[in-house]
């Protein structure tokens, strides 16, 4: 059963991830842009074309995939945590 309902790109490389249980996460990917894995989303047009398969957020036709588990791990890093509602 999918867990992620919707993803919405926000300004400054933030991403709103809405879950099917009504909760939402806002993650800040800005600190990840300098890494080899995430450098593709430095292009704001690509960042804005985010999608989900219900289990992960995807960019570039799934070539960059961030699972919900990885997003939960990101929440432990104060630089990537923006808000959990």
PDB file of N, CA and C in Angstrom:
ATOM      1  N   UNK A   1       0.839  -1.182   0.000  1.00  0.00           N
ATOM      2  CA  UNK A   1       0.000   0.000   0.000  1.00  0.00           C
ATOM      3  C   UNK A   1       0.886   1.249   0.000  1.00  0.00           C
ATOM      4  N   UNK A   2       0.694   2.141  -0.957  1.00  0.00           N
ATOM      5  CA  UNK A   2       1.489   3.379  -1.000  1.00  0.00           C
ATOM      6  C   UNK A   2       1.315   4.199   0.279  1.00  0.00           C
ATOM      7  N   UNK A   3       2.363   4.885   0.654  1.00  0.00           N
ATOM      8  CA  UNK A   3       2.353   5.710   1.865  1.00  0.00           C
ATOM      9  C   UNK A   3       2.386   7.190   1.502  1.00  0.00           C
ATOM     10  N   UNK A   4       3.112   7.535   0.436  1.00  0.00           N
ATOM     11  CA  UNK A   4       3.219   8.926   0.003  1.00  0.00           C
ATOM     12  C   UNK A   4       2.062   9.221  -0.939  1.00  0.00           C
ATOM     13  N   UNK A   5       1.299  10.247  -0.601  1.00  0.00           N
ATOM     14  CA  UNK A   5       0.143  10.618  -1.411  1.00  0.00           C
ATOM     15  C   UNK A   5       0.520  11.626  -2.488  1.00  0.00           C
ATOM     16  N   UNK A   6       1.349  12.614  -2.107  1.00  0.00           N
ATOM     17  CA  UNK A   6       1.619  13.727  -3.020  1.00  0.00           C
ATOM     18  C   UNK A   6       2.938  14.386  -2.657  1.00  0.00           C
ATOM     19  N   UNK A   7       3.654  14.869  -3.662  1.00  0.00           N
ATOM     20  CA  UNK A   7       4.875  15.648  -3.421  1.00  0.00           C
ATOM     21  C   UNK A   7       4.757  16.974  -4.176  1.00  0.00           C
ATOM     22  N   UNK A   8       5.187  18.030  -3.519  1.00  0.00           N
ATOM     23  CA  UNK A   8       5.112  19.359  -4.103  1.00  0.00           C
ATOM     24  C   UNK A   8       6.439  20.081  -3.884  1.00  0.00           C
ATOM     25  N   UNK A   9       7.081  20.520  -4.969  1.00  0.00           N
ATOM     26  CA  UNK A   9       8.315  21.288  -4.799  1.00  0.00           C
ATOM     27  C   UNK A   9       7.992  22.684  -4.279  1.00  0.00           C
ATOM     28  N   UNK A  10       8.793  23.135  -3.334  1.00  0.00           N
ATOM     29  CA  UNK A  10       8.648  24.475  -2.770  1.00  0.00           C
ATOM     30  C   UNK A  10       9.897  25.275  -3.137  1.00  0.00           C
ATOM     31  N   UNK A  11       9.967  26.503  -2.702  1.00  0.00           N
ATOM     32  CA  UNK A  11      11.133  27.338  -3.002  1.00  0.00           C
ATOM     33  C   UNK A  11      12.354  26.862  -2.216  1.00  0.00           C
ATOM     34  N   UNK A  12      13.518  27.276  -2.678  1.00  0.00           N
ATOM     35  CA  UNK A  12      14.789  27.020  -1.992  1.00  0.00           C
ATOM     36  C   UNK A  12      15.053  25.533  -1.751  1.00  0.00           C
ATOM     37  N   UNK A  13      14.715  24.689  -2.727  1.00  0.00           N
ATOM     38  CA  UNK A  13      14.989  23.254  -2.685  1.00  0.00           C
ATOM     39  C   UNK A  13      14.311  22.533  -1.525  1.00  0.00           C
ATOM     40  N   UNK A  14      13.170  23.037  -1.150  1.00  0.00           N
ATOM     41  CA  UNK A  14      12.368  22.352  -0.139  1.00  0.00           C
ATOM     42  C   UNK A  14      11.291  21.546  -0.858  1.00  0.00           C
ATOM     43  N   UNK A  15      10.893  20.451  -0.226  1.00  0.00           N
ATOM     44  CA  UNK A  15       9.930  19.547  -0.820  1.00  0.00           C
ATOM     45  C   UNK A  15       8.877  19.195   0.216  1.00  0.00           C
ATOM     46  N   UNK A  16       7.605  19.400  -0.139  1.00  0.00           N
ATOM     47  CA  UNK A  16       6.488  19.011   0.709  1.00  0.00           C
ATOM     48  C   UNK A  16       6.088  17.596   0.325  1.00  0.00           C
ATOM     49  N   UNK A  17       6.141  16.689   1.289  1.00  0.00           N
ATOM     50  CA  UNK A  17       5.770  15.293   1.079  1.00  0.00           C
ATOM     51  C   UNK A  17       4.540  15.027   1.938  1.00  0.00           C
ATOM     52  N   UNK A  18       3.407  14.787   1.280  1.00  0.00           N
ATOM     53  CA  UNK A  18       2.154  14.525   1.995  1.00  0.00           C
ATOM     54  C   UNK A  18       1.907  13.026   2.033  1.00  0.00           C
ATOM     55  N   UNK A  19       1.616  12.524   3.220  1.00  0.00           N
ATOM     56  CA  UNK A  19       1.399  11.102   3.430  1.00  0.00           C
ATOM     57  C   UNK A  19      -0.094  10.783   3.436  1.00  0.00           C
ATOM     58  N   UNK A  20      -0.425   9.529   3.178  1.00  0.00           N
ATOM     59  CA  UNK A  20      -1.848   9.163   3.102  1.00  0.00           C
ATOM     60  C   UNK A  20      -2.537   9.244   4.458  1.00  0.00           C
ATOM     61  N   UNK A  21      -1.777   9.258   5.553  1.00  0.00           N
ATOM     62  CA  UNK A  21      -2.366   9.361   6.889  1.00  0.00           C
ATOM     63  C   UNK A  21      -2.665  10.805   7.292  1.00  0.00           C
ATOM     64  N   UNK A  22      -2.430  11.756   6.371  1.00  0.00           N
ATOM     65  CA  UNK A  22      -2.717  13.158   6.645  1.00  0.00           C
ATOM     66  C   UNK A  22      -1.527  13.949   7.153  1.00  0.00           C
ATOM     67  N   UNK A  23      -0.446  13.290   7.513  1.00  0.00           N
ATOM     68  CA  UNK A  23       0.741  14.014   7.969  1.00  0.00           C
ATOM     69  C   UNK A  23       1.548  14.475   6.770  1.00  0.00           C
ATOM     70  N   UNK A  24       2.414  15.436   7.009  1.00  0.00           N
ATOM     71  CA  UNK A  24       3.245  15.973   5.932  1.00  0.00           C
ATOM     72  C   UNK A  24       4.635  16.281   6.458  1.00  0.00           C
ATOM     73  N   UNK A  25       5.607  16.171   5.569  1.00  0.00           N
ATOM     74  CA  UNK A  25       6.995  16.505   5.871  1.00  0.00           C
ATOM     75  C   UNK A  25       7.433  17.587   4.904  1.00  0.00           C
ATOM     76  N   UNK A  26       8.205  18.526   5.386  1.00  0.00           N
ATOM     77  CA  UNK A  26       8.851  19.479   4.501  1.00  0.00           C
ATOM     78  C   UNK A  26      10.348  19.265   4.695  1.00  0.00           C
ATOM     79  N   UNK A  27      10.988  18.799   3.626  1.00  0.00           N
ATOM     80  CA  UNK A  27      12.410  18.484   3.678  1.00  0.00           C
ATOM     81  C   UNK A  27      13.203  19.495   2.866  1.00  0.00           C
ATOM     82  N   UNK A  28      14.369  19.839   3.367  1.00  0.00           N
ATOM     83  CA  UNK A  28      15.251  20.785   2.700  1.00  0.00           C
ATOM     84  C   UNK A  28      16.397  19.998   2.056  1.00  0.00           C
ATOM     85  N   UNK A  29      16.426  19.990   0.726  1.00  0.00           N
ATOM     86  CA  UNK A  29      17.459  19.257  -0.001  1.00  0.00           C
ATOM     87  C   UNK A  29      18.672  20.131  -0.341  1.00  0.00           C
ATOM     88  N   UNK A  30      18.657  21.392   0.051  1.00  0.00           N
ATOM     89  CA  UNK A  30      19.730  22.312  -0.327  1.00  0.00           C
ATOM     90  C   UNK A  30      21.112  21.825   0.117  1.00  0.00           C
ATOM     91  N   UNK A  31      21.209  21.280   1.305  1.00  0.00           N
ATOM     92  CA  UNK A  31      22.515  20.837   1.802  1.00  0.00           C
ATOM     93  C   UNK A  31      23.014  19.594   1.076  1.00  0.00           C
ATOM     94  N   UNK A  32      22.179  18.933   0.326  1.00  0.00           N
ATOM     95  CA  UNK A  32      22.566  17.714  -0.401  1.00  0.00           C
ATOM     96  C   UNK A  32      23.036  18.005  -1.821  1.00  0.00           C
ATOM     97  N   UNK A  33      22.854  19.222  -2.307  1.00  0.00           N
ATOM     98  CA  UNK A  33      23.133  19.535  -3.705  1.00  0.00           C
ATOM     99  C   UNK A  33      24.588  19.347  -4.103  1.00  0.00           C
ATOM    100  N   UNK A  34      25.509  19.479  -3.182  1.00  0.00           N
ATOM    101  CA  UNK A  34      26.931  19.361  -3.508  1.00  0.00           C
ATOM    102  C   UNK A  34      27.402  17.916  -3.613  1.00  0.00           C
ATOM    103  N   UNK A  35      26.521  16.971  -3.318  1.00  0.00           N
ATOM    104  CA  UNK A  35      26.925  15.566  -3.420  1.00  0.00           C
ATOM    105  C   UNK A  35      26.718  15.068  -4.842  1.00  0.00           C
ATOM    106  N   UNK A  36      27.484  14.086  -5.217  1.00  0.00           N
ATOM    107  CA  UNK A  36      27.395  13.518  -6.564  1.00  0.00           C
ATOM    108  C   UNK A  36      25.996  12.962  -6.834  1.00  0.00           C
ATOM    109  N   UNK A  37      25.426  12.326  -5.855  1.00  0.00           N
ATOM    110  CA  UNK A  37      24.100  11.717  -6.029  1.00  0.00           C
ATOM    111  C   UNK A  37      23.018  12.752  -6.315  1.00  0.00           C
ATOM    112  N   UNK A  38      23.028  13.863  -5.620  1.00  0.00           N
ATOM    113  CA  UNK A  38      21.941  14.838  -5.699  1.00  0.00           C
ATOM    114  C   UNK A  38      22.234  16.031  -6.611  1.00  0.00           C
ATOM    115  N   UNK A  39      23.398  16.083  -7.256  1.00  0.00           N
ATOM    116  CA  UNK A  39      23.737  17.278  -8.026  1.00  0.00           C
ATOM    117  C   UNK A  39      22.785  17.518  -9.198  1.00  0.00           C
ATOM    118  N   UNK A  40      22.083  16.513  -9.675  1.00  0.00           N
ATOM    119  CA  UNK A  40      21.151  16.698 -10.793  1.00  0.00           C
ATOM    120  C   UNK A  40      19.979  17.610 -10.422  1.00  0.00           C
ATOM    121  N   UNK A  41      19.582  17.606  -9.150  1.00  0.00           N
ATOM    122  CA  UNK A  41      18.436  18.446  -8.764  1.00  0.00           C
ATOM    123  C   UNK A  41      18.851  19.878  -8.460  1.00  0.00           C
ATOM    124  N   UNK A  42      20.136  20.183  -8.628  1.00  0.00           N
ATOM    125  CA  UNK A  42      20.565  21.575  -8.501  1.00  0.00           C
ATOM    126  C   UNK A  42      19.897  22.421  -9.587  1.00  0.00           C
ATOM    127  N   UNK A  43      19.611  21.805 -10.709  1.00  0.00           N
ATOM    128  CA  UNK A  43      18.844  22.450 -11.765  1.00  0.00           C
ATOM    129  C   UNK A  43      17.402  22.574 -11.273  1.00  0.00           C
ATOM    130  N   UNK A  44      16.950  23.793 -11.045  1.00  0.00           N
ATOM    131  CA  UNK A  44      15.624  24.012 -10.439  1.00  0.00           C
ATOM    132  C   UNK A  44      14.494  23.459 -11.293  1.00  0.00           C
ATOM    133  N   UNK A  45      14.664  23.450 -12.615  1.00  0.00           N
ATOM    134  CA  UNK A  45      13.623  22.873 -13.472  1.00  0.00           C
ATOM    135  C   UNK A  45      13.473  21.378 -13.224  1.00  0.00           C
ATOM    136  N   UNK A  46      14.588  20.690 -13.039  1.00  0.00           N
ATOM    137  CA  UNK A  46      14.536  19.258 -12.731  1.00  0.00           C
ATOM    138  C   UNK A  46      13.969  19.055 -11.332  1.00  0.00           C
ATOM    139  N   UNK A  47      14.403  19.869 -10.360  1.00  0.00           N
ATOM    140  CA  UNK A  47      13.883  19.742  -8.999  1.00  0.00           C
ATOM    141  C   UNK A  47      12.361  19.865  -8.988  1.00  0.00           C
ATOM    142  N   UNK A  48      11.825  20.782  -9.762  1.00  0.00           N
ATOM    143  CA  UNK A  48      10.380  21.013  -9.787  1.00  0.00           C
ATOM    144  C   UNK A  48       9.607  19.869 -10.428  1.00  0.00           C
ATOM    145  N   UNK A  49      10.275  19.020 -11.197  1.00  0.00           N
ATOM    146  CA  UNK A  49       9.601  17.893 -11.847  1.00  0.00           C
ATOM    147  C   UNK A  49       9.666  16.627 -10.998  1.00  0.00           C
ATOM    148  N   UNK A  50       9.490  16.774  -9.712  1.00  0.00           N
ATOM    149  CA  UNK A  50       9.502  15.651  -8.780  1.00  0.00           C
ATOM    150  C   UNK A  50       8.181  14.882  -8.908  1.00  0.00           C
ATOM    151  N   UNK A  51       8.254  13.586  -8.658  1.00  0.00           N
ATOM    152  CA  UNK A  51       7.046  12.751  -8.666  1.00  0.00           C
ATOM    153  C   UNK A  51       7.181  11.709  -7.565  1.00  0.00           C
ATOM    154  N   UNK A  52       6.180  10.862  -7.430  1.00  0.00           N
ATOM    155  CA  UNK A  52       6.227   9.785  -6.445  1.00  0.00           C
ATOM    156  C   UNK A  52       5.605   8.527  -7.026  1.00  0.00           C
ATOM    157  N   UNK A  53       6.072   7.398  -6.524  1.00  0.00           N
ATOM    158  CA  UNK A  53       5.447   6.116  -6.841  1.00  0.00           C
ATOM    159  C   UNK A  53       4.674   5.596  -5.635  1.00  0.00           C
ATOM    160  N   UNK A  54       4.555   6.440  -4.612  1.00  0.00           N
ATOM    161  CA  UNK A  54       3.861   6.063  -3.386  1.00  0.00           C
ATOM    162  C   UNK A  54       4.793   5.589  -2.286  1.00  0.00           C
ATOM    163  N   UNK A  55       6.004   5.216  -2.664  1.00  0.00           N
ATOM    164  CA  UNK A  55       6.978   4.715  -1.694  1.00  0.00           C
ATOM    165  C   UNK A  55       8.241   5.562  -1.644  1.00  0.00           C
ATOM    166  N   UNK A  56       8.505   6.303  -2.716  1.00  0.00           N
ATOM    167  CA  UNK A  56       9.705   7.130  -2.841  1.00  0.00           C
ATOM    168  C   UNK A  56       9.347   8.406  -3.588  1.00  0.00           C
ATOM    169  N   UNK A  57      10.221   9.410  -3.489  1.00  0.00           N
ATOM    170  CA  UNK A  57      10.117  10.569  -4.379  1.00  0.00           C
ATOM    171  C   UNK A  57      11.142  10.362  -5.483  1.00  0.00           C
ATOM    172  N   UNK A  58      10.783  10.784  -6.682  1.00  0.00           N
ATOM    173  CA  UNK A  58      11.574  10.472  -7.864  1.00  0.00           C
ATOM    174  C   UNK A  58      11.856  11.721  -8.677  1.00  0.00           C
ATOM    175  N   UNK A  59      13.050  11.769  -9.215  1.00  0.00           N
ATOM    176  CA  UNK A  59      13.421  12.800 -10.178  1.00  0.00           C
ATOM    177  C   UNK A  59      14.039  12.110 -11.378  1.00  0.00           C
ATOM    178  N   UNK A  60      13.991  12.790 -12.508  1.00  0.00           N
ATOM    179  CA  UNK A  60      14.657  12.333 -13.726  1.00  0.00           C
ATOM    180  C   UNK A  60      14.241  10.903 -14.094  1.00  0.00           C
ATOM    181  N   UNK A  61      12.919  10.706 -14.163  1.00  0.00           N
ATOM    182  CA  UNK A  61      12.323   9.409 -14.547  1.00  0.00           C
ATOM    183  C   UNK A  61      12.784   8.264 -13.639  1.00  0.00           C
ATOM    184  N   UNK A  62      12.952   8.580 -12.366  1.00  0.00           N
ATOM    185  CA  UNK A  62      13.318   7.561 -11.384  1.00  0.00           C
ATOM    186  C   UNK A  62      14.801   7.292 -11.246  1.00  0.00           C
ATOM    187  N   UNK A  63      15.632   8.017 -11.994  1.00  0.00           N
ATOM    188  CA  UNK A  63      17.078   7.818 -11.873  1.00  0.00           C
ATOM    189  C   UNK A  63      17.592   8.270 -10.511  1.00  0.00           C
ATOM    190  N   UNK A  64      16.921   9.275  -9.936  1.00  0.00           N
ATOM    191  CA  UNK A  64      17.201   9.677  -8.562  1.00  0.00           C
ATOM    192  C   UNK A  64      15.956   9.342  -7.746  1.00  0.00           C
ATOM    193  N   UNK A  65      16.143   8.469  -6.782  1.00  0.00           N
ATOM    194  CA  UNK A  65      15.036   7.976  -5.959  1.00  0.00           C
ATOM    195  C   UNK A  65      15.409   8.145  -4.487  1.00  0.00           C
ATOM    196  N   UNK A  66      14.490   8.729  -3.704  1.00  0.00           N
ATOM    197  CA  UNK A  66      14.693   8.874  -2.264  1.00  0.00           C
ATOM    198  C   UNK A  66      13.508   8.197  -1.583  1.00  0.00           C
ATOM    199  N   UNK A  67      13.790   7.131  -0.861  1.00  0.00           N
ATOM    200  CA  UNK A  67      12.728   6.366  -0.215  1.00  0.00           C
ATOM    201  C   UNK A  67      12.200   7.087   1.019  1.00  0.00           C
ATOM    202  N   UNK A  68      11.030   6.688   1.458  1.00  0.00           N
ATOM    203  CA  UNK A  68      10.462   7.271   2.668  1.00  0.00           C
ATOM    204  C   UNK A  68      11.378   6.999   3.854  1.00  0.00           C
ATOM    205  N   UNK A  69      11.976   5.820   3.903  1.00  0.00           N
ATOM    206  CA  UNK A  69      12.917   5.508   4.979  1.00  0.00           C
ATOM    207  C   UNK A  69      14.098   6.464   4.997  1.00  0.00           C
ATOM    208  N   UNK A  70      14.597   6.782   3.817  1.00  0.00           N
ATOM    209  CA  UNK A  70      15.710   7.738   3.729  1.00  0.00           C
ATOM    210  C   UNK A  70      15.256   9.129   4.159  1.00  0.00           C
ATOM    211  N   UNK A  71      14.019   9.492   3.808  1.00  0.00           N
ATOM    212  CA  UNK A  71      13.502  10.797   4.246  1.00  0.00           C
ATOM    213  C   UNK A  71      13.410  10.852   5.763  1.00  0.00           C
ATOM    214  N   UNK A  72      12.996   9.757   6.387  1.00  0.00           N
ATOM    215  CA  UNK A  72      12.934   9.706   7.857  1.00  0.00           C
ATOM    216  C   UNK A  72      14.338   9.889   8.437  1.00  0.00           C
ATOM    217  N   UNK A  73      15.334   9.269   7.816  1.00  0.00           N
ATOM    218  CA  UNK A  73      16.723   9.464   8.250  1.00  0.00           C
ATOM    219  C   UNK A  73      17.148  10.923   8.099  1.00  0.00           C
ATOM    220  N   UNK A  74      16.707  11.563   7.012  1.00  0.00           N
ATOM    221  CA  UNK A  74      17.041  12.975   6.802  1.00  0.00           C
ATOM    222  C   UNK A  74      16.491  13.842   7.921  1.00  0.00           C
ATOM    223  N   UNK A  75      15.365  13.441   8.495  1.00  0.00           N
ATOM    224  CA  UNK A  75      14.761  14.230   9.565  1.00  0.00           C
ATOM    225  C   UNK A  75      15.648  14.280  10.802  1.00  0.00           C
ATOM    226  N   UNK A  76      16.542  13.323  10.930  1.00  0.00           N
ATOM    227  CA  UNK A  76      17.446  13.309  12.083  1.00  0.00           C
ATOM    228  C   UNK A  76      18.581  14.317  11.922  1.00  0.00           C
ATOM    229  N   UNK A  77      18.773  14.793  10.693  1.00  0.00           N
ATOM    230  CA  UNK A  77      19.816  15.788  10.425  1.00  0.00           C
ATOM    231  C   UNK A  77      19.170  17.168  10.466  1.00  0.00           C
ATOM    232  N   UNK A  78      19.545  17.982  11.397  1.00  0.00           N
ATOM    233  CA  UNK A  78      18.902  19.283  11.618  1.00  0.00           C
ATOM    234  C   UNK A  78      18.976  20.173  10.383  1.00  0.00           C
ATOM    235  N   UNK A  79      19.980  19.992   9.518  1.00  0.00           N
ATOM    236  CA  UNK A  79      20.100  20.822   8.321  1.00  0.00           C
ATOM    237  C   UNK A  79      19.032  20.486   7.287  1.00  0.00           C
ATOM    238  N   UNK A  80      18.508  19.268   7.299  1.00  0.00           N
ATOM    239  CA  UNK A  80      17.495  18.909   6.306  1.00  0.00           C
ATOM    240  C   UNK A  80      16.084  18.966   6.865  1.00  0.00           C
ATOM    241  N   UNK A  81      15.957  19.016   8.166  1.00  0.00           N
ATOM    242  CA  UNK A  81      14.628  19.119   8.759  1.00  0.00           C
ATOM    243  C   UNK A  81      14.119  20.537   8.630  1.00  0.00           C
ATOM    244  N   UNK A  82      12.940  20.670   8.117  1.00  0.00           N
ATOM    245  CA  UNK A  82      12.321  21.985   8.061  1.00  0.00           C
ATOM    246  C   UNK A  82      11.086  21.975   8.943  1.00  0.00           C
ATOM    247  N   UNK A  83      10.202  21.024   8.720  1.00  0.00           N
ATOM    248  CA  UNK A  83       8.989  20.983   9.538  1.00  0.00           C
ATOM    249  C   UNK A  83       8.291  19.646   9.339  1.00  0.00           C
ATOM    250  N   UNK A  84       7.704  19.137  10.395  1.00  0.00           N
ATOM    251  CA  UNK A  84       6.828  17.982  10.305  1.00  0.00           C
ATOM    252  C   UNK A  84       5.483  18.416  10.862  1.00  0.00           C
ATOM    253  N   UNK A  85       4.431  18.253  10.075  1.00  0.00           N
ATOM    254  CA  UNK A  85       3.102  18.683  10.518  1.00  0.00           C
ATOM    255  C   UNK A  85       2.163  17.508  10.537  1.00  0.00           C
TER     256      UNK A  85
END
